[in-house]
Amino acid sequence: VSRRGFHLSREYAIDPLEIMLVRDVMRTDIIVLSPADAAAPEAVRQRVEGLQQRLFPVADESGTYVGVVRAKDVPEFLVQARDGGEMPSCVNQNPVVALPDEPLRAVVNRMAEHSVTRLPVVALGTRPELLGIIALHDLLQARVRNLKDERLRERTLRMFVRDDETVAR
């Protein structure tokens, strides 16, 4: 079978991204923007500056999740929000999202399909509830964690054999 090009060990291996779920690796310590932030734009800029977060969820005045803004569009968001009226045009109100109970493999495929590296994690219901963000980096960290677990599991353990005298005591 191997000579014909079928590698059985590869065919039957379980992909760790198939076992792990979004809720296990998503980030929950994120900054969420709101049109009310336009009242203090400098404070928002200082809070956002230097962060690893590159996608910012946006909530309306009632705290309901409405979409996302890319980090480079935050200054534009603040200007448009200051002018008042409707939600700023730089807010993507229909982003591709991840669900908390889906396997990471589905999220990786969705990221590749839509050419994005970050997704908001949303619990769907009567109104969507923002739970966090998942980035490609988080998926890679999950893979690294799984590789470390595999190395520990495959590690050879030393066995100690007792002689009869030790057991008799």
N, C-alpha and C. Protein backbone atom coordinates (compact mmCIF):
# COMPACT_ATOMS: atom_id res chain seq x y z
N VAL A 1 0.83 -1.18 0.00
CA VAL A 1 0.00 0.00 0.00
C VAL A 1 0.88 1.25 0.00
N SER A 2 1.95 1.22 0.78
CA SER A 2 2.84 2.37 0.86
C SER A 2 3.51 2.64 -0.48
N ARG A 3 3.90 1.58 -1.20
CA ARG A 3 4.53 1.77 -2.51
C ARG A 3 3.59 2.42 -3.51
N ARG A 4 2.31 2.26 -3.31
CA ARG A 4 1.33 2.86 -4.22
C ARG A 4 1.01 4.32 -3.85
N GLY A 5 1.65 4.82 -2.81
CA GLY A 5 1.49 6.22 -2.45
C GLY A 5 0.46 6.52 -1.38
N PHE A 6 -0.08 5.50 -0.74
CA PHE A 6 -1.04 5.72 0.34
C PHE A 6 -0.32 5.63 1.67
N HIS A 7 -0.32 6.71 2.41
CA HIS A 7 0.34 6.74 3.71
C HIS A 7 -0.73 6.66 4.79
N LEU A 8 -0.92 5.47 5.28
CA LEU A 8 -2.02 5.23 6.21
C LEU A 8 -1.89 6.03 7.50
N SER A 9 -0.68 6.18 8.00
CA SER A 9 -0.53 6.92 9.26
C SER A 9 -0.97 8.37 9.08
N ARG A 10 -0.77 8.92 7.91
CA ARG A 10 -1.19 10.29 7.64
C ARG A 10 -2.70 10.36 7.40
N GLU A 11 -3.22 9.35 6.77
CA GLU A 11 -4.64 9.35 6.42
C GLU A 11 -5.53 9.25 7.66
N TYR A 12 -5.08 8.56 8.70
CA TYR A 12 -5.93 8.32 9.85
C TYR A 12 -5.57 9.14 11.09
N ALA A 13 -4.66 10.05 10.96
CA ALA A 13 -4.30 10.89 12.10
C ALA A 13 -5.42 11.91 12.35
N ILE A 14 -5.65 12.21 13.60
CA ILE A 14 -6.68 13.18 13.96
C ILE A 14 -6.04 14.56 14.02
N ASP A 15 -6.63 15.48 13.30
CA ASP A 15 -6.13 16.85 13.30
C ASP A 15 -6.53 17.51 14.62
N PRO A 16 -5.56 18.03 15.37
CA PRO A 16 -5.89 18.67 16.66
C PRO A 16 -6.84 19.85 16.49
N LEU A 17 -6.81 20.49 15.33
CA LEU A 17 -7.72 21.61 15.12
C LEU A 17 -9.17 21.13 14.96
N GLU A 18 -9.34 19.85 14.73
CA GLU A 18 -10.68 19.28 14.63
C GLU A 18 -11.26 19.02 16.02
N ILE A 19 -10.40 18.84 17.00
CA ILE A 19 -10.83 18.50 18.36
C ILE A 19 -11.05 19.75 19.21
N MET A 20 -10.20 20.76 19.03
CA MET A 20 -10.27 21.97 19.86
C MET A 20 -11.35 22.92 19.34
N LEU A 21 -12.00 23.61 20.27
CA LEU A 21 -13.08 24.52 19.93
C LEU A 21 -12.65 25.97 20.06
N VAL A 22 -13.36 26.85 19.40
CA VAL A 22 -13.07 28.29 19.41
C VAL A 22 -13.05 28.82 20.83
N ARG A 23 -14.02 28.44 21.65
CA ARG A 23 -14.09 28.98 23.01
C ARG A 23 -12.86 28.64 23.85
N ASP A 24 -12.10 27.59 23.45
CA ASP A 24 -10.91 27.19 24.19
C ASP A 24 -9.71 28.11 23.94
N VAL A 25 -9.70 28.82 22.80
CA VAL A 25 -8.51 29.61 22.46
C VAL A 25 -8.80 31.08 22.15
N MET A 26 -10.07 31.49 22.14
CA MET A 26 -10.39 32.88 21.79
C MET A 26 -9.91 33.84 22.88
N ARG A 27 -9.70 35.07 22.47
CA ARG A 27 -9.31 36.13 23.41
C ARG A 27 -10.56 36.84 23.90
N THR A 28 -10.62 37.04 25.18
CA THR A 28 -11.78 37.73 25.75
C THR A 28 -11.40 39.09 26.34
N ASP A 29 -10.12 39.33 26.53
CA ASP A 29 -9.67 40.61 27.08
C ASP A 29 -9.40 41.57 25.93
N ILE A 30 -10.46 42.09 25.35
CA ILE A 30 -10.36 42.93 24.17
C ILE A 30 -11.02 44.28 24.44
N ILE A 31 -10.67 45.24 23.62
CA ILE A 31 -11.28 46.56 23.70
C ILE A 31 -12.44 46.62 22.71
N VAL A 32 -13.59 47.06 23.18
CA VAL A 32 -14.77 47.23 22.34
C VAL A 32 -15.02 48.72 22.20
N LEU A 33 -15.19 49.17 20.97
CA LEU A 33 -15.43 50.59 20.70
C LEU A 33 -16.92 50.87 20.67
N SER A 34 -17.24 52.15 20.89
CA SER A 34 -18.63 52.61 20.87
C SER A 34 -18.64 54.03 20.31
N PRO A 35 -19.73 54.46 19.68
CA PRO A 35 -19.79 55.85 19.22
C PRO A 35 -19.59 56.85 20.35
N ALA A 36 -19.89 56.46 21.57
CA ALA A 36 -19.69 57.35 22.71
C ALA A 36 -18.21 57.65 22.94
N ASP A 37 -17.31 56.79 22.40
CA ASP A 37 -15.88 57.02 22.55
C ASP A 37 -15.40 58.26 21.82
N ALA A 38 -16.20 58.78 20.90
CA ALA A 38 -15.82 59.97 20.13
C ALA A 38 -15.73 61.20 21.03
N ALA A 39 -16.34 61.15 22.20
CA ALA A 39 -16.27 62.28 23.13
C ALA A 39 -14.86 62.46 23.68
N ALA A 40 -14.09 61.40 23.76
CA ALA A 40 -12.71 61.47 24.25
C ALA A 40 -11.78 60.72 23.30
N PRO A 41 -11.59 61.24 22.08
CA PRO A 41 -10.82 60.50 21.07
C PRO A 41 -9.37 60.27 21.46
N GLU A 42 -8.78 61.21 22.18
CA GLU A 42 -7.37 61.06 22.55
C GLU A 42 -7.19 59.92 23.55
N ALA A 43 -8.13 59.77 24.46
CA ALA A 43 -8.07 58.67 25.43
C ALA A 43 -8.19 57.33 24.71
N VAL A 44 -9.04 57.26 23.70
CA VAL A 44 -9.19 56.02 22.93
C VAL A 44 -7.92 55.72 22.17
N ARG A 45 -7.34 56.72 21.54
CA ARG A 45 -6.09 56.51 20.79
C ARG A 45 -4.99 55.99 21.70
N GLN A 46 -4.87 56.54 22.89
CA GLN A 46 -3.84 56.08 23.83
C GLN A 46 -4.10 54.65 24.27
N ARG A 47 -5.37 54.31 24.48
CA ARG A 47 -5.73 52.95 24.90
C ARG A 47 -5.45 51.93 23.80
N VAL A 48 -5.69 52.33 22.56
CA VAL A 48 -5.55 51.43 21.41
C VAL A 48 -4.11 51.33 20.93
N GLU A 49 -3.35 52.40 21.10
CA GLU A 49 -1.97 52.46 20.60
C GLU A 49 -1.09 51.40 21.26
N GLY A 50 -0.33 50.69 20.45
CA GLY A 50 0.61 49.71 20.96
C GLY A 50 0.01 48.36 21.33
N LEU A 51 -1.29 48.19 21.10
CA LEU A 51 -1.92 46.91 21.40
C LEU A 51 -1.69 45.91 20.27
N GLN A 52 -1.76 44.64 20.61
CA GLN A 52 -1.69 43.59 19.61
C GLN A 52 -3.02 43.43 18.88
N GLN A 53 -4.08 43.97 19.44
CA GLN A 53 -5.41 43.84 18.85
C GLN A 53 -5.48 44.64 17.56
N ARG A 54 -5.87 44.00 16.48
CA ARG A 54 -5.95 44.65 15.17
C ARG A 54 -7.37 44.73 14.63
N LEU A 55 -8.32 44.20 15.37
CA LEU A 55 -9.72 44.23 14.98
C LEU A 55 -10.52 44.62 16.22
N PHE A 56 -11.31 45.67 16.09
CA PHE A 56 -12.04 46.18 17.24
C PHE A 56 -13.54 46.02 17.04
N PRO A 57 -14.17 45.24 17.90
CA PRO A 57 -15.63 45.13 17.83
C PRO A 57 -16.26 46.48 18.19
N VAL A 58 -17.43 46.72 17.65
CA VAL A 58 -18.15 47.97 17.90
C VAL A 58 -19.52 47.62 18.48
N ALA A 59 -19.88 48.33 19.53
CA ALA A 59 -21.20 48.16 20.16
C ALA A 59 -21.95 49.49 20.06
N ASP A 60 -23.26 49.43 19.94
CA ASP A 60 -24.03 50.67 19.90
C ASP A 60 -24.23 51.20 21.32
N GLU A 61 -25.04 52.25 21.45
CA GLU A 61 -25.23 52.89 22.76
C GLU A 61 -25.79 51.94 23.81
N SER A 62 -26.57 50.94 23.38
CA SER A 62 -27.17 50.00 24.33
C SER A 62 -26.25 48.82 24.65
N GLY A 63 -25.04 48.81 24.04
CA GLY A 63 -24.10 47.74 24.30
C GLY A 63 -24.26 46.53 23.39
N THR A 64 -25.12 46.63 22.38
CA THR A 64 -25.34 45.53 21.44
C THR A 64 -24.25 45.53 20.38
N TYR A 65 -23.69 44.37 20.11
CA TYR A 65 -22.64 44.22 19.10
C TYR A 65 -23.23 44.54 17.72
N VAL A 66 -22.53 45.41 16.97
CA VAL A 66 -23.03 45.79 15.64
C VAL A 66 -22.04 45.50 14.51
N GLY A 67 -20.76 45.32 14.82
CA GLY A 67 -19.79 45.08 13.75
C GLY A 67 -18.37 45.24 14.25
N VAL A 68 -17.45 45.44 13.30
CA VAL A 68 -16.03 45.56 13.63
C VAL A 68 -15.39 46.70 12.84
N VAL A 69 -14.29 47.20 13.40
CA VAL A 69 -13.47 48.23 12.76
C VAL A 69 -12.03 47.74 12.79
N ARG A 70 -11.34 47.87 11.68
CA ARG A 70 -9.91 47.53 11.65
C ARG A 70 -9.13 48.60 12.41
N ALA A 71 -7.99 48.24 12.93
CA ALA A 71 -7.18 49.16 13.74
C ALA A 71 -6.83 50.42 12.96
N LYS A 72 -6.53 50.28 11.68
CA LYS A 72 -6.15 51.46 10.89
C LYS A 72 -7.32 52.41 10.65
N ASP A 73 -8.56 51.93 10.85
CA ASP A 73 -9.74 52.76 10.65
C ASP A 73 -10.27 53.39 11.94
N VAL A 74 -9.62 53.15 13.07
CA VAL A 74 -10.09 53.70 14.35
C VAL A 74 -10.14 55.22 14.33
N PRO A 75 -9.11 55.94 13.82
CA PRO A 75 -9.22 57.41 13.79
C PRO A 75 -10.42 57.89 12.96
N GLU A 76 -10.66 57.25 11.82
CA GLU A 76 -11.81 57.60 10.99
C GLU A 76 -13.12 57.32 11.73
N PHE A 77 -13.17 56.20 12.45
CA PHE A 77 -14.34 55.85 13.24
C PHE A 77 -14.65 56.95 14.26
N LEU A 78 -13.61 57.43 14.94
CA LEU A 78 -13.80 58.45 15.97
C LEU A 78 -14.31 59.76 15.37
N VAL A 79 -13.78 60.14 14.19
CA VAL A 79 -14.23 61.37 13.53
C VAL A 79 -15.68 61.23 13.10
N GLN A 80 -16.02 60.11 12.47
CA GLN A 80 -17.40 59.92 12.00
C GLN A 80 -18.38 59.80 13.18
N ALA A 81 -17.95 59.17 14.25
CA ALA A 81 -18.83 59.02 15.42
C ALA A 81 -19.05 60.37 16.09
N ARG A 82 -18.04 61.25 16.05
CA ARG A 82 -18.17 62.58 16.66
C ARG A 82 -19.22 63.41 15.92
N ASP A 83 -19.30 63.20 14.61
CA ASP A 83 -20.28 63.95 13.81
C ASP A 83 -21.70 63.53 14.12
N GLY A 84 -21.86 62.38 14.77
CA GLY A 84 -23.18 61.93 15.20
C GLY A 84 -23.95 61.26 14.08
N GLY A 85 -25.21 61.02 14.36
CA GLY A 85 -26.05 60.39 13.34
C GLY A 85 -25.97 58.89 13.40
N GLU A 86 -25.90 58.28 12.24
CA GLU A 86 -25.90 56.82 12.16
C GLU A 86 -24.52 56.24 12.42
N MET A 87 -24.44 54.92 12.42
CA MET A 87 -23.19 54.21 12.67
C MET A 87 -22.18 54.60 11.58
N PRO A 88 -20.92 54.90 11.97
CA PRO A 88 -19.91 55.28 10.99
C PRO A 88 -19.77 54.26 9.85
N SER A 89 -19.49 54.76 8.66
CA SER A 89 -19.42 53.90 7.48
C SER A 89 -18.23 52.95 7.50
N CYS A 90 -17.21 53.25 8.28
CA CYS A 90 -16.03 52.37 8.35
C CYS A 90 -16.28 51.11 9.17
N VAL A 91 -17.45 51.03 9.82
CA VAL A 91 -17.80 49.84 10.60
C VAL A 91 -18.34 48.78 9.65
N ASN A 92 -17.69 47.62 9.66
CA ASN A 92 -18.19 46.49 8.88
C ASN A 92 -19.29 45.84 9.70
N GLN A 93 -20.54 46.02 9.28
CA GLN A 93 -21.67 45.54 10.07
C GLN A 93 -22.04 44.09 9.74
N ASN A 94 -21.40 43.51 8.75
CA ASN A 94 -21.65 42.10 8.41
C ASN A 94 -20.34 41.34 8.26
N PRO A 95 -19.52 41.32 9.31
CA PRO A 95 -18.24 40.62 9.16
C PRO A 95 -18.43 39.10 9.21
N VAL A 96 -17.44 38.41 8.72
CA VAL A 96 -17.40 36.96 8.87
C VAL A 96 -17.13 36.70 10.34
N VAL A 97 -17.85 35.79 10.95
CA VAL A 97 -17.72 35.55 12.39
C VAL A 97 -17.39 34.08 12.67
N ALA A 98 -16.94 33.84 13.87
CA ALA A 98 -16.73 32.48 14.39
C ALA A 98 -17.74 32.25 15.51
N LEU A 99 -18.13 31.01 15.66
CA LEU A 99 -19.05 30.64 16.74
C LEU A 99 -18.26 29.93 17.83
N PRO A 100 -18.63 30.09 19.09
CA PRO A 100 -17.83 29.54 20.18
C PRO A 100 -17.72 28.02 20.20
N ASP A 101 -18.70 27.32 19.66
CA ASP A 101 -18.70 25.86 19.72
C ASP A 101 -18.23 25.19 18.44
N GLU A 102 -17.64 25.94 17.53
CA GLU A 102 -17.17 25.28 16.31
C GLU A 102 -15.71 24.88 16.43
N PRO A 103 -15.33 23.82 15.72
CA PRO A 103 -13.93 23.39 15.77
C PRO A 103 -13.02 24.39 15.06
N LEU A 104 -11.78 24.46 15.51
CA LEU A 104 -10.83 25.40 14.95
C LEU A 104 -10.58 25.15 13.46
N ARG A 105 -10.71 23.93 13.03
CA ARG A 105 -10.51 23.61 11.61
C ARG A 105 -11.50 24.38 10.74
N ALA A 106 -12.75 24.48 11.17
CA ALA A 106 -13.76 25.23 10.41
C ALA A 106 -13.40 26.71 10.35
N VAL A 107 -12.86 27.24 11.44
CA VAL A 107 -12.48 28.65 11.49
C VAL A 107 -11.28 28.91 10.57
N VAL A 108 -10.31 28.02 10.57
CA VAL A 108 -9.15 28.17 9.68
C VAL A 108 -9.61 28.17 8.23
N ASN A 109 -10.51 27.26 7.89
CA ASN A 109 -11.02 27.20 6.52
C ASN A 109 -11.77 28.48 6.15
N ARG A 110 -12.56 29.01 7.08
CA ARG A 110 -13.30 30.25 6.83
C ARG A 110 -12.34 31.42 6.66
N MET A 111 -11.29 31.48 7.49
CA MET A 111 -10.30 32.55 7.35
C MET A 111 -9.64 32.50 5.98
N ALA A 112 -9.26 31.30 5.54
CA ALA A 112 -8.63 31.15 4.24
C ALA A 112 -9.59 31.53 3.12
N GLU A 113 -10.83 31.10 3.23
CA GLU A 113 -11.83 31.37 2.20
C GLU A 113 -12.10 32.86 2.02
N HIS A 114 -12.09 33.61 3.13
CA HIS A 114 -12.41 35.03 3.09
C HIS A 114 -11.17 35.93 3.18
N SER A 115 -9.98 35.33 3.19
CA SER A 115 -8.71 36.08 3.24
C SER A 115 -8.66 37.04 4.43
N VAL A 116 -9.00 36.54 5.61
CA VAL A 116 -8.91 37.33 6.84
C VAL A 116 -8.09 36.55 7.86
N THR A 117 -7.54 37.25 8.82
CA THR A 117 -6.74 36.59 9.86
C THR A 117 -7.32 36.76 11.25
N ARG A 118 -8.44 37.49 11.35
CA ARG A 118 -9.09 37.70 12.65
C ARG A 118 -10.61 37.67 12.47
N LEU A 119 -11.28 37.06 13.43
CA LEU A 119 -12.74 36.99 13.38
C LEU A 119 -13.31 37.30 14.76
N PRO A 120 -14.42 38.05 14.80
CA PRO A 120 -15.10 38.19 16.08
C PRO A 120 -15.80 36.87 16.41
N VAL A 121 -15.83 36.54 17.68
CA VAL A 121 -16.54 35.33 18.13
C VAL A 121 -17.88 35.80 18.68
N VAL A 122 -18.94 35.29 18.08
CA VAL A 122 -20.28 35.78 18.39
C VAL A 122 -21.20 34.61 18.72
N ALA A 123 -21.99 34.78 19.76
CA ALA A 123 -23.04 33.82 20.09
C ALA A 123 -24.30 34.32 19.40
N LEU A 124 -24.82 33.51 18.49
CA LEU A 124 -26.00 33.92 17.75
C LEU A 124 -27.25 33.67 18.58
N GLY A 125 -28.18 34.54 18.44
CA GLY A 125 -29.45 34.43 19.16
C GLY A 125 -30.38 35.49 18.60
N THR A 126 -31.32 35.95 19.41
CA THR A 126 -32.21 37.01 18.94
C THR A 126 -31.42 38.26 18.61
N ARG A 127 -30.37 38.50 19.38
CA ARG A 127 -29.42 39.55 19.03
C ARG A 127 -28.03 38.98 19.26
N PRO A 128 -27.11 39.22 18.33
CA PRO A 128 -25.77 38.63 18.46
C PRO A 128 -25.04 39.17 19.69
N GLU A 129 -24.37 38.28 20.39
CA GLU A 129 -23.62 38.67 21.58
C GLU A 129 -22.14 38.43 21.34
N LEU A 130 -21.34 39.47 21.48
CA LEU A 130 -19.90 39.37 21.29
C LEU A 130 -19.27 38.65 22.47
N LEU A 131 -18.47 37.61 22.19
CA LEU A 131 -17.80 36.85 23.24
C LEU A 131 -16.30 37.08 23.25
N GLY A 132 -15.72 37.42 22.10
CA GLY A 132 -14.28 37.62 22.02
C GLY A 132 -13.83 37.73 20.58
N ILE A 133 -12.54 37.53 20.38
CA ILE A 133 -11.93 37.56 19.04
C ILE A 133 -11.00 36.36 18.94
N ILE A 134 -10.93 35.79 17.75
CA ILE A 134 -9.96 34.74 17.48
C ILE A 134 -9.12 35.17 16.29
N ALA A 135 -7.81 35.03 16.44
CA ALA A 135 -6.88 35.42 15.38
C ALA A 135 -6.07 34.21 14.94
N LEU A 136 -5.45 34.34 13.80
CA LEU A 136 -4.62 33.27 13.28
C LEU A 136 -3.53 32.89 14.29
N HIS A 137 -3.01 33.88 14.99
CA HIS A 137 -2.00 33.64 16.02
C HIS A 137 -2.53 32.71 17.11
N ASP A 138 -3.79 32.87 17.48
CA ASP A 138 -4.40 32.01 18.50
C ASP A 138 -4.49 30.57 18.01
N LEU A 139 -4.78 30.40 16.73
CA LEU A 139 -4.84 29.05 16.15
C LEU A 139 -3.46 28.40 16.14
N LEU A 140 -2.45 29.19 15.83
CA LEU A 140 -1.09 28.65 15.84
C LEU A 140 -0.65 28.29 17.26
N GLN A 141 -1.03 29.09 18.23
CA GLN A 141 -0.71 28.78 19.62
C GLN A 141 -1.41 27.50 20.07
N ALA A 142 -2.62 27.28 19.60
CA ALA A 142 -3.33 26.03 19.92
C ALA A 142 -2.58 24.84 19.34
N ARG A 143 -2.07 25.00 18.14
CA ARG A 143 -1.31 23.92 17.49
C ARG A 143 0.00 23.67 18.27
N VAL A 144 0.68 24.72 18.69
CA VAL A 144 1.91 24.57 19.47
C VAL A 144 1.62 23.87 20.79
N ARG A 145 0.54 24.25 21.44
CA ARG A 145 0.15 23.61 22.71
C ARG A 145 -0.09 22.12 22.51
N ASN A 146 -0.73 21.77 21.40
CA ASN A 146 -0.98 20.36 21.10
C ASN A 146 0.33 19.62 20.83
N LEU A 147 1.27 20.25 20.12
CA LEU A 147 2.56 19.61 19.85
C LEU A 147 3.34 19.37 21.14
N LYS A 148 3.29 20.32 22.07
CA LYS A 148 3.96 20.14 23.36
C LYS A 148 3.34 18.98 24.13
N ASP A 149 2.02 18.90 24.11
CA ASP A 149 1.34 17.79 24.78
C ASP A 149 1.75 16.45 24.18
N GLU A 150 1.89 16.41 22.86
CA GLU A 150 2.31 15.17 22.19
C GLU A 150 3.72 14.78 22.62
N ARG A 151 4.62 15.75 22.70
CA ARG A 151 6.00 15.45 23.11
C ARG A 151 6.04 14.91 24.53
N LEU A 152 5.24 15.49 25.42
CA LEU A 152 5.20 15.01 26.80
C LEU A 152 4.62 13.60 26.88
N ARG A 153 3.62 13.33 26.07
CA ARG A 153 2.99 12.03 26.09
C ARG A 153 3.93 10.95 25.55
N GLU A 154 4.77 11.31 24.59
CA GLU A 154 5.67 10.34 23.98
C GLU A 154 6.98 10.18 24.75
N ARG A 155 7.18 10.98 25.76
CA ARG A 155 8.41 10.94 26.53
C ARG A 155 8.55 9.58 27.22
N THR A 156 9.74 9.04 27.21
CA THR A 156 10.00 7.75 27.84
C THR A 156 10.09 7.94 29.34
N LEU A 157 9.36 7.13 30.06
CA LEU A 157 9.40 7.19 31.51
C LEU A 157 10.33 6.10 32.04
N ARG A 158 11.09 6.43 33.07
CA ARG A 158 12.01 5.46 33.66
C ARG A 158 11.24 4.57 34.63
N MET A 159 11.54 3.30 34.58
CA MET A 159 10.89 2.36 35.50
C MET A 159 11.90 1.93 36.55
N PHE A 160 11.44 1.80 37.74
CA PHE A 160 12.28 1.31 38.82
C PHE A 160 11.79 -0.09 39.21
N VAL A 161 12.71 -1.01 39.28
CA VAL A 161 12.36 -2.37 39.67
C VAL A 161 12.90 -2.61 41.06
N ARG A 162 12.04 -3.06 41.93
CA ARG A 162 12.46 -3.34 43.30
C ARG A 162 12.91 -4.79 43.39
N ASP A 163 13.89 -5.01 44.22
CA ASP A 163 14.26 -6.41 44.46
C ASP A 163 13.39 -6.97 45.58
N ASP A 164 13.44 -8.27 45.79
CA ASP A 164 12.56 -8.92 46.75
C ASP A 164 12.79 -8.43 48.18
N GLU A 165 14.04 -8.09 48.53
CA GLU A 165 14.32 -7.63 49.89
C GLU A 165 13.61 -6.35 50.19
N THR A 166 13.61 -5.44 49.22
CA THR A 166 12.96 -4.15 49.44
C THR A 166 11.47 -4.33 49.63
N VAL A 167 10.88 -5.23 48.86
CA VAL A 167 9.45 -5.47 48.96
C VAL A 167 9.11 -6.13 50.29
N ALA A 168 9.98 -7.03 50.78
CA ALA A 168 9.72 -7.76 52.04
C ALA A 168 9.77 -6.83 53.23
N ARG A 169 10.52 -5.78 53.20
CA ARG A 169 10.65 -4.89 54.35
C ARG A 169 9.39 -4.19 54.58
